[in-house]
Amino acid sequence: MAPLLRFEEPHARLQDSYRDLIREFRDAGEPLIPFPLTFPNDDFPGFLARLAACARGEGLPPGFVPHSTYWLVSDDVVVGVA
């Protein structure tokens, strides 16, 4: 049976898995797309607050529109970002 995939709003419980995903991209020399993957996440609560602010349209660079970020999760592992 294939693993269940689901979209979740970013949250602290999967911060290690999210960081592992970023590390895998970097180790493979892949670009960090979508661009929220480039946001610093050393301060994870601050990172989550920034994502929430982006969804509300707060603190965006000129020309940007509000945008939401979701994690694609399988078996409590972040496998993608949209």
Protein backbone atom coordinates (compact mmCIF):
# COMPACT_ATOMS: atom_id res chain seq x y z
CA MET A 1 0.00 0.00 0.00
CA ALA A 2 1.36 3.44 -0.94
CA PRO A 3 2.05 5.86 1.91
CA LEU A 4 -0.61 8.46 2.62
CA LEU A 5 0.37 11.95 1.45
CA ARG A 6 -1.23 15.04 2.91
CA PHE A 7 -0.69 18.79 2.90
CA GLU A 8 -0.12 20.40 6.29
CA GLU A 9 0.48 23.94 7.38
CA PRO A 10 4.07 24.27 8.63
CA HIS A 11 4.44 23.55 12.35
CA ALA A 12 7.15 23.01 14.94
CA ARG A 13 6.60 19.26 15.41
CA LEU A 14 8.20 18.51 12.02
CA GLN A 15 10.98 21.10 12.18
CA ASP A 16 13.74 18.47 12.11
CA SER A 17 12.19 16.78 9.08
CA TYR A 18 11.83 20.14 7.32
CA ARG A 19 15.48 20.94 7.99
CA ASP A 20 16.46 17.49 6.67
CA LEU A 21 14.58 18.29 3.45
CA ILE A 22 16.49 21.57 3.06
CA ARG A 23 19.77 19.75 3.71
CA GLU A 24 18.94 17.12 1.07
CA PHE A 25 18.25 19.84 -1.52
CA ARG A 26 21.52 21.59 -0.73
CA ASP A 27 23.57 18.38 -0.66
CA ALA A 28 22.18 17.46 -4.10
CA GLY A 29 22.94 20.95 -5.46
CA GLU A 30 19.24 21.53 -6.15
CA PRO A 31 17.73 25.03 -6.14
CA LEU A 32 15.55 25.87 -3.17
CA ILE A 33 12.18 26.18 -4.88
CA PRO A 34 9.63 27.41 -3.89
CA PHE A 35 11.36 30.52 -2.56
CA PRO A 36 10.12 30.18 1.07
CA LEU A 37 12.62 27.31 1.31
CA THR A 38 15.30 30.03 1.31
CA PHE A 39 13.91 31.69 4.45
CA PRO A 40 16.27 31.28 7.43
CA ASN A 41 14.90 28.75 9.93
CA ASP A 42 17.44 28.77 12.77
CA ASP A 43 14.78 30.51 14.87
CA PHE A 44 11.97 28.11 13.98
CA PRO A 45 9.17 29.98 15.79
CA GLY A 46 10.30 33.13 13.95
CA PHE A 47 10.35 31.20 10.67
CA LEU A 48 6.78 29.96 11.26
CA ALA A 49 5.71 33.51 12.15
CA ARG A 50 7.21 34.78 8.89
CA LEU A 51 5.29 32.19 6.87
CA ALA A 52 2.07 33.15 8.67
CA ALA A 53 2.76 36.85 8.01
CA CYS A 54 3.31 36.11 4.30
CA ALA A 55 -0.09 34.41 4.18
CA ARG A 56 -1.67 37.53 5.69
CA GLY A 57 0.19 39.77 3.23
CA GLU A 58 2.34 41.37 5.93
CA GLY A 59 5.98 42.36 5.41
CA LEU A 60 6.07 41.40 1.74
CA PRO A 61 8.54 42.93 -0.71
CA PRO A 62 7.09 45.34 -3.28
CA GLY A 63 5.24 43.50 -6.04
CA PHE A 64 4.55 40.38 -3.95
CA VAL A 65 1.08 39.16 -3.07
CA PRO A 66 -0.01 37.17 -0.01
CA HIS A 67 1.01 33.53 -0.31
CA SER A 68 0.57 30.42 1.78
CA THR A 69 3.11 27.65 2.26
CA TYR A 70 2.16 24.02 2.83
CA TRP A 71 4.25 20.95 3.51
CA LEU A 72 3.63 17.68 1.71
CA VAL A 73 3.95 15.07 4.45
CA SER A 74 4.22 11.29 4.29
CA ASP A 75 4.53 9.22 7.47
CA ASP A 76 5.45 12.35 9.47
CA VAL A 77 8.26 13.22 7.03
CA VAL A 78 8.24 16.45 5.04
CA VAL A 79 8.74 15.33 1.44
CA GLY A 80 7.86 18.53 -0.39
CA VAL A 81 6.81 22.16 -0.07
CA ALA A 82 4.15 24.05 -2.00
